[in-house]
Protein backbone atom coordinates (compact mmCIF):
# COMPACT_ATOMS: atom_id res chain seq x y z
CA MET A 1 -11.84 -11.59 39.82
CA SER A 2 -13.78 -12.44 36.46
CA TRP A 3 -13.07 -9.35 35.00
CA LEU A 4 -9.14 -9.99 35.19
CA ALA A 5 -10.55 -13.50 33.66
CA ILE A 6 -11.91 -12.10 31.01
CA ILE A 7 -8.72 -9.56 30.01
CA LEU A 8 -6.75 -12.50 30.47
CA ALA A 9 -8.61 -15.02 28.00
CA PHE A 10 -8.86 -11.76 25.47
CA VAL A 11 -4.89 -11.32 25.04
CA ILE A 12 -4.67 -15.23 24.82
CA GLY A 13 -6.83 -15.68 22.21
CA TRP A 14 -5.83 -12.44 20.51
CA GLU A 15 -2.21 -13.50 20.52
CA ALA A 16 -3.19 -17.02 19.85
CA ALA A 17 -5.01 -15.63 16.83
CA HIS A 18 -1.99 -13.84 15.27
CA ARG A 19 0.88 -16.65 16.21
CA THR A 20 -2.09 -19.17 13.66
CA VAL A 21 -2.47 -16.06 10.69
CA ALA A 22 1.37 -15.22 10.98
CA THR A 23 2.48 -19.22 11.04
CA GLU A 24 0.04 -19.81 8.12
CA CYS A 25 1.04 -17.15 5.84
CA LYS A 26 4.88 -18.40 6.72
CA LYS A 27 4.01 -21.40 5.98
CA LEU A 28 1.54 -21.37 2.96
CA GLY A 29 1.25 -17.56 1.69
CA LYS A 30 -2.29 -17.54 2.49
CA PHE A 31 -4.41 -17.93 5.51
CA TYR A 32 -8.22 -18.93 6.06
CA VAL A 33 -11.06 -17.20 7.91
CA GLY A 34 -14.39 -19.53 7.47
CA ASN A 35 -14.59 -20.29 3.32
CA GLU A 36 -12.27 -17.10 2.49
CA VAL A 37 -8.84 -16.93 1.55
CA PHE A 38 -6.53 -14.52 2.21
CA GLU A 39 -3.31 -13.89 0.60
CA CYS A 40 -0.03 -12.46 2.73
CA ARG A 41 2.79 -10.47 1.36
CA LYS A 42 5.66 -9.26 3.38
CA ILE A 43 6.28 -5.60 3.62
CA SER A 44 10.04 -4.29 4.36
CA HIS A 45 10.36 -1.68 6.19
CA SER A 46 14.01 -1.01 4.63
CA ALA A 47 15.12 2.56 3.87
CA GLY A 48 13.73 3.62 0.77
CA TYR A 49 10.74 1.35 0.88
CA GLN A 50 8.13 2.24 -1.79
CA PRO A 51 4.87 0.82 -1.92
CA ALA A 52 3.64 -0.42 -5.45
CA ALA A 53 1.95 2.34 -8.12
CA ASP A 54 -1.48 0.09 -7.89
CA SER A 55 -1.15 -0.45 -3.81
CA ASP A 56 -3.98 0.91 -1.29
CA THR A 57 -1.06 1.07 1.47
CA PRO A 58 -0.54 5.06 1.96
CA THR A 59 3.23 6.33 2.38
CA PRO A 60 4.86 6.72 4.99
CA PRO A 61 5.67 10.78 5.45
CA GLY A 62 8.75 11.67 3.74
CA ASN A 63 8.94 9.01 1.72
CA GLU A 64 6.99 10.74 -1.06
């Protein structure tokens, strides 16, 4: 039973953390972890999407 509680707590914590980051990004365009501030940007996965040339995001196969 204790393993089930640990797994459940992990899943609930994971979901809460992701929801908090998403909410902060939508409202402020950034989120905070301790003393660090991270800026958010939305990535559109529509047809013809190409990352910026200076982006470190890899281009999906077939979109080169």
